[in-house]
Amino acid sequence: MLRHQDLLRLLGVYGYVQDALTIFVLSRFAHGKFALLKFCSLLFLICISTVLLTPQEVRS
């Protein structure tokens, strides 16, 4: 059963993924290097947040 914190954490990760997808679609249409850079930085943020959140789930 999901706790309140876990639900908020999942929603946060979903928000990151949604932002990344939006920026990816925009970069496909804009063909701008800035949009691609922003997309890569968001992917990096997703990876870091996943790595940081995983040990907390294992501990609890």
PDB file of N, CA and C in Angstrom:
ATOM      1  N   MET A   1       0.842  -1.199   0.000  1.00  0.00           N
ATOM      2  CA  MET A   1       0.000   0.000   0.000  1.00  0.00           C
ATOM      3  C   MET A   1       0.879   1.252   0.000  1.00  0.00           C
ATOM      4  N   LEU A   2       0.496   2.204  -0.820  1.00  0.00           N
ATOM      5  CA  LEU A   2       1.297   3.421  -0.954  1.00  0.00           C
ATOM      6  C   LEU A   2       1.030   4.383   0.189  1.00  0.00           C
ATOM      7  N   ARG A   3       2.123   4.929   0.729  1.00  0.00           N
ATOM      8  CA  ARG A   3       1.979   5.983   1.725  1.00  0.00           C
ATOM      9  C   ARG A   3       1.844   7.322   1.020  1.00  0.00           C
ATOM     10  N   HIS A   4       1.505   8.349   1.793  1.00  0.00           N
ATOM     11  CA  HIS A   4       1.297   9.683   1.229  1.00  0.00           C
ATOM     12  C   HIS A   4       2.581  10.214   0.589  1.00  0.00           C
ATOM     13  N   GLN A   5       3.729  10.002   1.263  1.00  0.00           N
ATOM     14  CA  GLN A   5       5.012  10.485   0.739  1.00  0.00           C
ATOM     15  C   GLN A   5       5.360   9.786  -0.578  1.00  0.00           C
ATOM     16  N   ASP A   6       5.095   8.484  -0.638  1.00  0.00           N
ATOM     17  CA  ASP A   6       5.393   7.741  -1.868  1.00  0.00           C
ATOM     18  C   ASP A   6       4.566   8.267  -3.032  1.00  0.00           C
ATOM     19  N   LEU A   7       3.300   8.586  -2.753  1.00  0.00           N
ATOM     20  CA  LEU A   7       2.424   9.108  -3.799  1.00  0.00           C
ATOM     21  C   LEU A   7       2.935  10.452  -4.305  1.00  0.00           C
ATOM     22  N   LEU A   8       3.337  11.320  -3.369  1.00  0.00           N
ATOM     23  CA  LEU A   8       3.877  12.622  -3.764  1.00  0.00           C
ATOM     24  C   LEU A   8       5.164  12.459  -4.559  1.00  0.00           C
ATOM     25  N   ARG A   9       5.984  11.486  -4.169  1.00  0.00           N
ATOM     26  CA  ARG A   9       7.239  11.232  -4.870  1.00  0.00           C
ATOM     27  C   ARG A   9       6.964  10.760  -6.296  1.00  0.00           C
ATOM     28  N   LEU A  10       5.989   9.859  -6.453  1.00  0.00           N
ATOM     29  CA  LEU A  10       5.628   9.360  -7.781  1.00  0.00           C
ATOM     30  C   LEU A  10       5.104  10.485  -8.656  1.00  0.00           C
ATOM     31  N   LEU A  11       4.290  11.370  -8.069  1.00  0.00           N
ATOM     32  CA  LEU A  11       3.764  12.495  -8.830  1.00  0.00           C
ATOM     33  C   LEU A  11       4.888  13.428  -9.261  1.00  0.00           C
ATOM     34  N   GLY A  12       5.894  13.601  -8.402  1.00  0.00           N
ATOM     35  CA  GLY A  12       7.037  14.444  -8.749  1.00  0.00           C
ATOM     36  C   GLY A  12       7.818  13.867  -9.921  1.00  0.00           C
ATOM     37  N   VAL A  13       8.054  12.558  -9.885  1.00  0.00           N
ATOM     38  CA  VAL A  13       8.776  11.899 -10.990  1.00  0.00           C
ATOM     39  C   VAL A  13       7.951  11.976 -12.267  1.00  0.00           C
ATOM     40  N   TYR A  14       6.627  11.795 -12.146  1.00  0.00           N
ATOM     41  CA  TYR A  14       5.751  11.900 -13.316  1.00  0.00           C
ATOM     42  C   TYR A  14       5.819  13.303 -13.910  1.00  0.00           C
ATOM     43  N   GLY A  15       5.907  14.309 -13.042  1.00  0.00           N
ATOM     44  CA  GLY A  15       6.032  15.689 -13.508  1.00  0.00           C
ATOM     45  C   GLY A  15       7.306  15.904 -14.301  1.00  0.00           C
ATOM     46  N   TYR A  16       8.426  15.313 -13.802  1.00  0.00           N
ATOM     47  CA  TYR A  16       9.697  15.413 -14.522  1.00  0.00           C
ATOM     48  C   TYR A  16       9.584  14.773 -15.900  1.00  0.00           C
ATOM     49  N   VAL A  17       8.986  13.579 -15.943  1.00  0.00           N
ATOM     50  CA  VAL A  17       8.863  12.855 -17.212  1.00  0.00           C
ATOM     51  C   VAL A  17       7.998  13.642 -18.193  1.00  0.00           C
ATOM     52  N   GLN A  18       6.896  14.212 -17.670  1.00  0.00           N
ATOM     53  CA  GLN A  18       6.007  14.986 -18.530  1.00  0.00           C
ATOM     54  C   GLN A  18       6.721  16.208 -19.100  1.00  0.00           C
ATOM     55  N   ASP A  19       7.498  16.900 -18.241  1.00  0.00           N
ATOM     56  CA  ASP A  19       8.263  18.053 -18.717  1.00  0.00           C
ATOM     57  C   ASP A  19       9.273  17.642 -19.777  1.00  0.00           C
ATOM     58  N   ALA A  20       9.941  16.514 -19.533  1.00  0.00           N
ATOM     59  CA  ALA A  20      10.950  16.045 -20.485  1.00  0.00           C
ATOM     60  C   ALA A  20      10.317  15.715 -21.833  1.00  0.00           C
ATOM     61  N   LEU A  21       9.167  15.054 -21.799  1.00  0.00           N
ATOM     62  CA  LEU A  21       8.477  14.711 -23.045  1.00  0.00           C
ATOM     63  C   LEU A  21       8.036  15.964 -23.787  1.00  0.00           C
ATOM     64  N   THR A  22       7.530  16.951 -23.038  1.00  0.00           N
ATOM     65  CA  THR A  22       7.091  18.200 -23.661  1.00  0.00           C
ATOM     66  C   THR A  22       8.254  18.897 -24.346  1.00  0.00           C
ATOM     67  N   ILE A  23       9.380  18.980 -23.630  1.00  0.00           N
ATOM     68  CA  ILE A  23      10.549  19.653 -24.197  1.00  0.00           C
ATOM     69  C   ILE A  23      11.096  18.873 -25.389  1.00  0.00           C
ATOM     70  N   PHE A  24      11.040  17.541 -25.309  1.00  0.00           N
ATOM     71  CA  PHE A  24      11.512  16.721 -26.428  1.00  0.00           C
ATOM     72  C   PHE A  24      10.663  16.982 -27.676  1.00  0.00           C
ATOM     73  N   VAL A  25       9.348  17.009 -27.512  1.00  0.00           N
ATOM     74  CA  VAL A  25       8.459  17.272 -28.650  1.00  0.00           C
ATOM     75  C   VAL A  25       8.712  18.660 -29.214  1.00  0.00           C
ATOM     76  N   LEU A  26       8.874  19.642 -28.328  1.00  0.00           N
ATOM     77  CA  LEU A  26       9.141  21.009 -28.781  1.00  0.00           C
ATOM     78  C   LEU A  26      10.481  21.080 -29.518  1.00  0.00           C
ATOM     79  N   SER A  27      11.474  20.345 -29.016  1.00  0.00           N
ATOM     80  CA  SER A  27      12.786  20.392 -29.663  1.00  0.00           C
ATOM     81  C   SER A  27      12.744  19.732 -31.039  1.00  0.00           C
ATOM     82  N   ARG A  28      11.886  18.720 -31.192  1.00  0.00           N
ATOM     83  CA  ARG A  28      11.742  18.076 -32.502  1.00  0.00           C
ATOM     84  C   ARG A  28      11.173  19.055 -33.526  1.00  0.00           C
ATOM     85  N   PHE A  29      10.263  19.921 -33.066  1.00  0.00           N
ATOM     86  CA  PHE A  29       9.672  20.886 -33.988  1.00  0.00           C
ATOM     87  C   PHE A  29      10.555  22.111 -34.163  1.00  0.00           C
ATOM     88  N   ALA A  30      11.202  22.551 -33.079  1.00  0.00           N
ATOM     89  CA  ALA A  30      11.987  23.780 -33.133  1.00  0.00           C
ATOM     90  C   ALA A  30      13.368  23.543 -33.746  1.00  0.00           C
ATOM     91  N   HIS A  31      13.886  22.318 -33.609  1.00  0.00           N
ATOM     92  CA  HIS A  31      15.237  21.982 -34.060  1.00  0.00           C
ATOM     93  C   HIS A  31      16.274  22.917 -33.451  1.00  0.00           C
ATOM     94  N   GLY A  32      15.999  23.364 -32.223  1.00  0.00           N
ATOM     95  CA  GLY A  32      16.929  24.267 -31.550  1.00  0.00           C
ATOM     96  C   GLY A  32      17.868  23.507 -30.634  1.00  0.00           C
ATOM     97  N   LYS A  33      19.106  23.954 -30.594  1.00  0.00           N
ATOM     98  CA  LYS A  33      20.074  23.295 -29.722  1.00  0.00           C
ATOM     99  C   LYS A  33      19.767  23.584 -28.263  1.00  0.00           C
ATOM    100  N   PHE A  34      19.162  24.742 -27.978  1.00  0.00           N
ATOM    101  CA  PHE A  34      18.831  25.083 -26.598  1.00  0.00           C
ATOM    102  C   PHE A  34      17.787  24.120 -26.041  1.00  0.00           C
ATOM    103  N   ALA A  35      16.784  23.800 -26.852  1.00  0.00           N
ATOM    104  CA  ALA A  35      15.739  22.877 -26.410  1.00  0.00           C
ATOM    105  C   ALA A  35      16.316  21.484 -26.159  1.00  0.00           C
ATOM    106  N   LEU A  36      17.238  21.076 -27.014  1.00  0.00           N
ATOM    107  CA  LEU A  36      17.879  19.770 -26.851  1.00  0.00           C
ATOM    108  C   LEU A  36      18.728  19.742 -25.587  1.00  0.00           C
ATOM    109  N   LEU A  37      19.419  20.848 -25.321  1.00  0.00           N
ATOM    110  CA  LEU A  37      20.233  20.963 -24.111  1.00  0.00           C
ATOM    111  C   LEU A  37      19.350  20.888 -22.869  1.00  0.00           C
ATOM    112  N   LYS A  38      18.202  21.564 -22.922  1.00  0.00           N
ATOM    113  CA  LYS A  38      17.269  21.561 -21.802  1.00  0.00           C
ATOM    114  C   LYS A  38      16.713  20.145 -21.588  1.00  0.00           C
ATOM    115  N   PHE A  39      16.445  19.443 -22.672  1.00  0.00           N
ATOM    116  CA  PHE A  39      15.950  18.070 -22.590  1.00  0.00           C
ATOM    117  C   PHE A  39      16.991  17.166 -21.934  1.00  0.00           C
ATOM    118  N   CYS A  40      18.243  17.310 -22.319  1.00  0.00           N
ATOM    119  CA  CYS A  40      19.313  16.489 -21.742  1.00  0.00           C
ATOM    120  C   CYS A  40      19.501  16.787 -20.262  1.00  0.00           C
ATOM    121  N   SER A  41      19.392  18.053 -19.886  1.00  0.00           N
ATOM    122  CA  SER A  41      19.548  18.411 -18.481  1.00  0.00           C
ATOM    123  C   SER A  41      18.386  17.862 -17.665  1.00  0.00           C
ATOM    124  N   LEU A  42      17.196  17.824 -18.240  1.00  0.00           N
ATOM    125  CA  LEU A  42      16.053  17.239 -17.542  1.00  0.00           C
ATOM    126  C   LEU A  42      16.228  15.740 -17.364  1.00  0.00           C
ATOM    127  N   LEU A  43      16.742  15.071 -18.381  1.00  0.00           N
ATOM    128  CA  LEU A  43      17.024  13.635 -18.253  1.00  0.00           C
ATOM    129  C   LEU A  43      18.035  13.385 -17.145  1.00  0.00           C
ATOM    130  N   PHE A  44      19.039  14.261 -17.071  1.00  0.00           N
ATOM    131  CA  PHE A  44      20.048  14.162 -16.021  1.00  0.00           C
ATOM    132  C   PHE A  44      19.402  14.320 -14.645  1.00  0.00           C
ATOM    133  N   LEU A  45      18.485  15.285 -14.523  1.00  0.00           N
ATOM    134  CA  LEU A  45      17.755  15.500 -13.264  1.00  0.00           C
ATOM    135  C   LEU A  45      16.937  14.278 -12.890  1.00  0.00           C
ATOM    136  N   ILE A  46      16.293  13.656 -13.879  1.00  0.00           N
ATOM    137  CA  ILE A  46      15.489  12.460 -13.620  1.00  0.00           C
ATOM    138  C   ILE A  46      16.379  11.340 -13.086  1.00  0.00           C
ATOM    139  N   CYS A  47      17.546  11.156 -13.716  1.00  0.00           N
ATOM    140  CA  CYS A  47      18.474  10.114 -13.266  1.00  0.00           C
ATOM    141  C   CYS A  47      18.928  10.360 -11.842  1.00  0.00           C
ATOM    142  N   ILE A  48      19.289  11.614 -11.526  1.00  0.00           N
ATOM    143  CA  ILE A  48      19.756  11.948 -10.176  1.00  0.00           C
ATOM    144  C   ILE A  48      18.644  11.721  -9.159  1.00  0.00           C
ATOM    145  N   SER A  49      17.427  12.175  -9.473  1.00  0.00           N
ATOM    146  CA  SER A  49      16.326  12.017  -8.526  1.00  0.00           C
ATOM    147  C   SER A  49      15.994  10.545  -8.307  1.00  0.00           C
ATOM    148  N   THR A  50      16.093   9.746  -9.355  1.00  0.00           N
ATOM    149  CA  THR A  50      15.834   8.308  -9.215  1.00  0.00           C
ATOM    150  C   THR A  50      16.872   7.664  -8.307  1.00  0.00           C
ATOM    151  N   VAL A  51      18.136   8.023  -8.512  1.00  0.00           N
ATOM    152  CA  VAL A  51      19.214   7.465  -7.688  1.00  0.00           C
ATOM    153  C   VAL A  51      19.064   7.904  -6.240  1.00  0.00           C
ATOM    154  N   LEU A  52      18.664   9.160  -6.032  1.00  0.00           N
ATOM    155  CA  LEU A  52      18.529   9.672  -4.666  1.00  0.00           C
ATOM    156  C   LEU A  52      17.298   9.107  -3.954  1.00  0.00           C
ATOM    157  N   LEU A  53      16.242   8.828  -4.698  1.00  0.00           N
ATOM    158  CA  LEU A  53      15.006   8.351  -4.072  1.00  0.00           C
ATOM    159  C   LEU A  53      15.045   6.867  -3.763  1.00  0.00           C
ATOM    160  N   THR A  54      15.812   6.102  -4.526  1.00  0.00           N
ATOM    161  CA  THR A  54      15.811   4.648  -4.361  1.00  0.00           C
ATOM    162  C   THR A  54      16.278   4.184  -2.977  1.00  0.00           C
ATOM    163  N   PRO A  55      17.382   4.717  -2.421  1.00  0.00           N
ATOM    164  CA  PRO A  55      17.813   4.242  -1.097  1.00  0.00           C
ATOM    165  C   PRO A  55      16.789   4.510  -0.006  1.00  0.00           C
ATOM    166  N   GLN A  56      16.052   5.598  -0.097  1.00  0.00           N
ATOM    167  CA  GLN A  56      15.027   5.910   0.901  1.00  0.00           C
ATOM    168  C   GLN A  56      13.922   4.861   0.882  1.00  0.00           C
ATOM    169  N   GLU A  57      13.551   4.417  -0.306  1.00  0.00           N
ATOM    170  CA  GLU A  57      12.511   3.392  -0.416  1.00  0.00           C
ATOM    171  C   GLU A  57      12.992   2.059   0.151  1.00  0.00           C
ATOM    172  N   VAL A  58      14.263   1.754  -0.070  1.00  0.00           N
ATOM    173  CA  VAL A  58      14.809   0.497   0.423  1.00  0.00           C
ATOM    174  C   VAL A  58      14.879   0.515   1.948  1.00  0.00           C
ATOM    175  N   ARG A  59      15.274   1.665   2.506  1.00  0.00           N
ATOM    176  CA  ARG A  59      15.407   1.792   3.952  1.00  0.00           C
ATOM    177  C   ARG A  59      14.068   1.678   4.664  1.00  0.00           C
ATOM    178  N   SER A  60      13.028   2.284   4.092  1.00  0.00           N
ATOM    179  CA  SER A  60      11.735   2.333   4.795  1.00  0.00           C
ATOM    180  C   SER A  60      10.913   1.070   4.619  1.00  0.00           C
TER     181      SER A  60
END
